[in-house]
Amino acid sequence: MKQPSFFTQILQYLYIKKRDADTPHNTNIKFMHGMNRISIFMFLFAVCVIIYRLLFKH
C-alpha cells in the first residue's frame, strides 16, 4: 500500500479530497483526524490574524 503524501493528507483532513477506500476505519483514527483538522484550522486562523495585524497596525 502506497503511503499518501503530506499534502494529500491535509486535503483529506479538510475534506477537499476524498479518502482512499482501502484505508482502515476505526474510532482512534477518526479522533486523530478530527484533532488534526482542528489544529490545522486553528493554525490557519492564527496565521490570518498575524497577517492582518502586520498589514493593519493598530
N, C-alpha and C. Protein backbone atom coordinates (compact mmCIF):
# COMPACT_ATOMS: atom_id res chain seq x y z
N MET A 1 0.85 -1.18 0.00
CA MET A 1 0.00 0.00 0.00
C MET A 1 0.89 1.24 0.00
N LYS A 2 0.61 2.17 -0.89
CA LYS A 2 1.40 3.38 -1.02
C LYS A 2 1.04 4.38 0.07
N GLN A 3 2.05 4.99 0.68
CA GLN A 3 1.85 5.99 1.73
C GLN A 3 1.45 7.32 1.08
N PRO A 4 0.33 7.94 1.52
CA PRO A 4 -0.07 9.22 0.92
C PRO A 4 0.90 10.34 1.30
N SER A 5 1.01 11.33 0.44
CA SER A 5 1.91 12.44 0.70
C SER A 5 1.34 13.35 1.78
N PHE A 6 2.19 14.24 2.26
CA PHE A 6 1.81 15.18 3.32
C PHE A 6 0.64 16.05 2.87
N PHE A 7 0.73 16.59 1.65
CA PHE A 7 -0.31 17.49 1.16
C PHE A 7 -1.61 16.74 0.88
N THR A 8 -1.51 15.49 0.47
CA THR A 8 -2.70 14.68 0.26
C THR A 8 -3.44 14.46 1.57
N GLN A 9 -2.70 14.22 2.65
CA GLN A 9 -3.32 14.04 3.95
C GLN A 9 -4.02 15.31 4.42
N ILE A 10 -3.40 16.47 4.20
CA ILE A 10 -4.03 17.74 4.59
C ILE A 10 -5.33 17.94 3.80
N LEU A 11 -5.30 17.67 2.51
CA LEU A 11 -6.52 17.81 1.70
C LEU A 11 -7.61 16.86 2.19
N GLN A 12 -7.22 15.68 2.64
CA GLN A 12 -8.20 14.74 3.17
C GLN A 12 -8.75 15.20 4.50
N TYR A 13 -7.91 15.77 5.37
CA TYR A 13 -8.38 16.27 6.66
C TYR A 13 -9.40 17.39 6.48
N LEU A 14 -9.17 18.22 5.48
CA LEU A 14 -10.05 19.37 5.25
C LEU A 14 -11.23 19.03 4.34
N TYR A 15 -11.40 17.75 4.02
CA TYR A 15 -12.49 17.27 3.17
C TYR A 15 -12.44 17.86 1.76
N ILE A 16 -11.26 18.24 1.28
CA ILE A 16 -11.13 18.73 -0.08
C ILE A 16 -10.94 17.55 -1.03
N LYS A 17 -10.30 16.51 -0.54
CA LYS A 17 -10.07 15.31 -1.33
C LYS A 17 -10.65 14.11 -0.60
N LYS A 18 -11.26 13.19 -1.36
CA LYS A 18 -11.84 12.00 -0.73
C LYS A 18 -10.74 11.07 -0.24
N ARG A 19 -11.03 10.39 0.87
CA ARG A 19 -10.08 9.43 1.43
C ARG A 19 -10.08 8.16 0.60
N ASP A 20 -8.96 7.46 0.66
CA ASP A 20 -8.82 6.19 -0.03
C ASP A 20 -9.75 5.17 0.63
N ALA A 21 -10.47 4.42 -0.17
CA ALA A 21 -11.43 3.44 0.37
C ALA A 21 -10.74 2.27 1.05
N ASP A 22 -9.47 2.04 0.73
CA ASP A 22 -8.74 0.91 1.31
C ASP A 22 -8.15 1.19 2.69
N THR A 23 -8.21 2.43 3.15
CA THR A 23 -7.63 2.75 4.45
C THR A 23 -8.48 2.17 5.57
N PRO A 24 -7.83 1.76 6.67
CA PRO A 24 -8.60 1.19 7.78
C PRO A 24 -9.45 2.26 8.48
N HIS A 25 -10.61 1.85 8.97
CA HIS A 25 -11.51 2.75 9.67
C HIS A 25 -11.70 2.26 11.10
N ASN A 26 -11.25 3.03 12.06
CA ASN A 26 -11.56 2.71 13.45
C ASN A 26 -11.70 4.02 14.21
N THR A 27 -12.18 3.93 15.42
CA THR A 27 -12.51 5.12 16.21
C THR A 27 -11.28 5.96 16.51
N ASN A 28 -10.16 5.33 16.84
CA ASN A 28 -8.95 6.08 17.17
C ASN A 28 -8.46 6.92 16.00
N ILE A 29 -8.51 6.35 14.81
CA ILE A 29 -8.08 7.10 13.63
C ILE A 29 -9.03 8.26 13.36
N LYS A 30 -10.33 8.06 13.57
CA LYS A 30 -11.30 9.15 13.37
C LYS A 30 -11.02 10.30 14.34
N PHE A 31 -10.75 9.99 15.61
CA PHE A 31 -10.44 11.03 16.59
C PHE A 31 -9.13 11.74 16.25
N MET A 32 -8.14 10.97 15.80
CA MET A 32 -6.86 11.56 15.44
C MET A 32 -7.03 12.54 14.28
N HIS A 33 -7.77 12.14 13.25
CA HIS A 33 -8.01 13.01 12.11
C HIS A 33 -8.82 14.24 12.52
N GLY A 34 -9.76 14.08 13.43
CA GLY A 34 -10.55 15.21 13.92
C GLY A 34 -9.68 16.22 14.65
N MET A 35 -8.79 15.74 15.51
CA MET A 35 -7.89 16.64 16.22
C MET A 35 -6.92 17.33 15.26
N ASN A 36 -6.43 16.61 14.26
CA ASN A 36 -5.55 17.21 13.27
C ASN A 36 -6.29 18.29 12.49
N ARG A 37 -7.54 18.04 12.16
CA ARG A 37 -8.35 19.02 11.42
C ARG A 37 -8.54 20.29 12.25
N ILE A 38 -8.83 20.13 13.54
CA ILE A 38 -8.99 21.30 14.42
C ILE A 38 -7.68 22.06 14.51
N SER A 39 -6.56 21.36 14.63
CA SER A 39 -5.25 22.01 14.72
C SER A 39 -4.93 22.80 13.45
N ILE A 40 -5.25 22.24 12.30
CA ILE A 40 -4.98 22.94 11.04
C ILE A 40 -5.81 24.20 10.95
N PHE A 41 -7.11 24.12 11.30
CA PHE A 41 -7.97 25.31 11.26
C PHE A 41 -7.49 26.37 12.24
N MET A 42 -7.07 25.98 13.44
CA MET A 42 -6.57 26.95 14.41
C MET A 42 -5.29 27.61 13.91
N PHE A 43 -4.41 26.83 13.31
CA PHE A 43 -3.18 27.37 12.76
C PHE A 43 -3.47 28.37 11.64
N LEU A 44 -4.36 28.01 10.72
CA LEU A 44 -4.69 28.92 9.62
C LEU A 44 -5.35 30.19 10.13
N PHE A 45 -6.19 30.08 11.14
CA PHE A 45 -6.81 31.26 11.73
C PHE A 45 -5.75 32.17 12.35
N ALA A 46 -4.80 31.58 13.09
CA ALA A 46 -3.74 32.37 13.72
C ALA A 46 -2.87 33.05 12.67
N VAL A 47 -2.57 32.37 11.57
CA VAL A 47 -1.78 32.98 10.50
C VAL A 47 -2.54 34.16 9.90
N CYS A 48 -3.85 34.02 9.71
CA CYS A 48 -4.66 35.11 9.18
C CYS A 48 -4.65 36.31 10.13
N VAL A 49 -4.75 36.06 11.44
CA VAL A 49 -4.72 37.15 12.42
C VAL A 49 -3.36 37.84 12.39
N ILE A 50 -2.28 37.09 12.32
CA ILE A 50 -0.94 37.68 12.28
C ILE A 50 -0.77 38.53 11.03
N ILE A 51 -1.21 38.02 9.88
CA ILE A 51 -1.10 38.79 8.64
C ILE A 51 -1.93 40.06 8.73
N TYR A 52 -3.14 39.96 9.28
CA TYR A 52 -3.99 41.14 9.43
C TYR A 52 -3.32 42.19 10.31
N ARG A 53 -2.73 41.76 11.42
CA ARG A 53 -2.07 42.70 12.33
C ARG A 53 -0.83 43.32 11.70
N LEU A 54 -0.13 42.58 10.86
CA LEU A 54 1.04 43.14 10.19
C LEU A 54 0.64 44.16 9.13
N LEU A 55 -0.45 43.90 8.43
CA LEU A 55 -0.89 44.80 7.37
C LEU A 55 -1.59 46.05 7.92
N PHE A 56 -2.36 45.89 8.98
CA PHE A 56 -3.14 46.99 9.54
C PHE A 56 -2.71 47.21 10.99
N LYS A 57 -1.59 47.87 11.17
CA LYS A 57 -1.06 48.09 12.52
C LYS A 57 -2.00 49.01 13.29
N HIS A 58 -2.35 48.57 14.46
CA HIS A 58 -3.27 49.36 15.31
C HIS A 58 -2.48 50.04 16.40
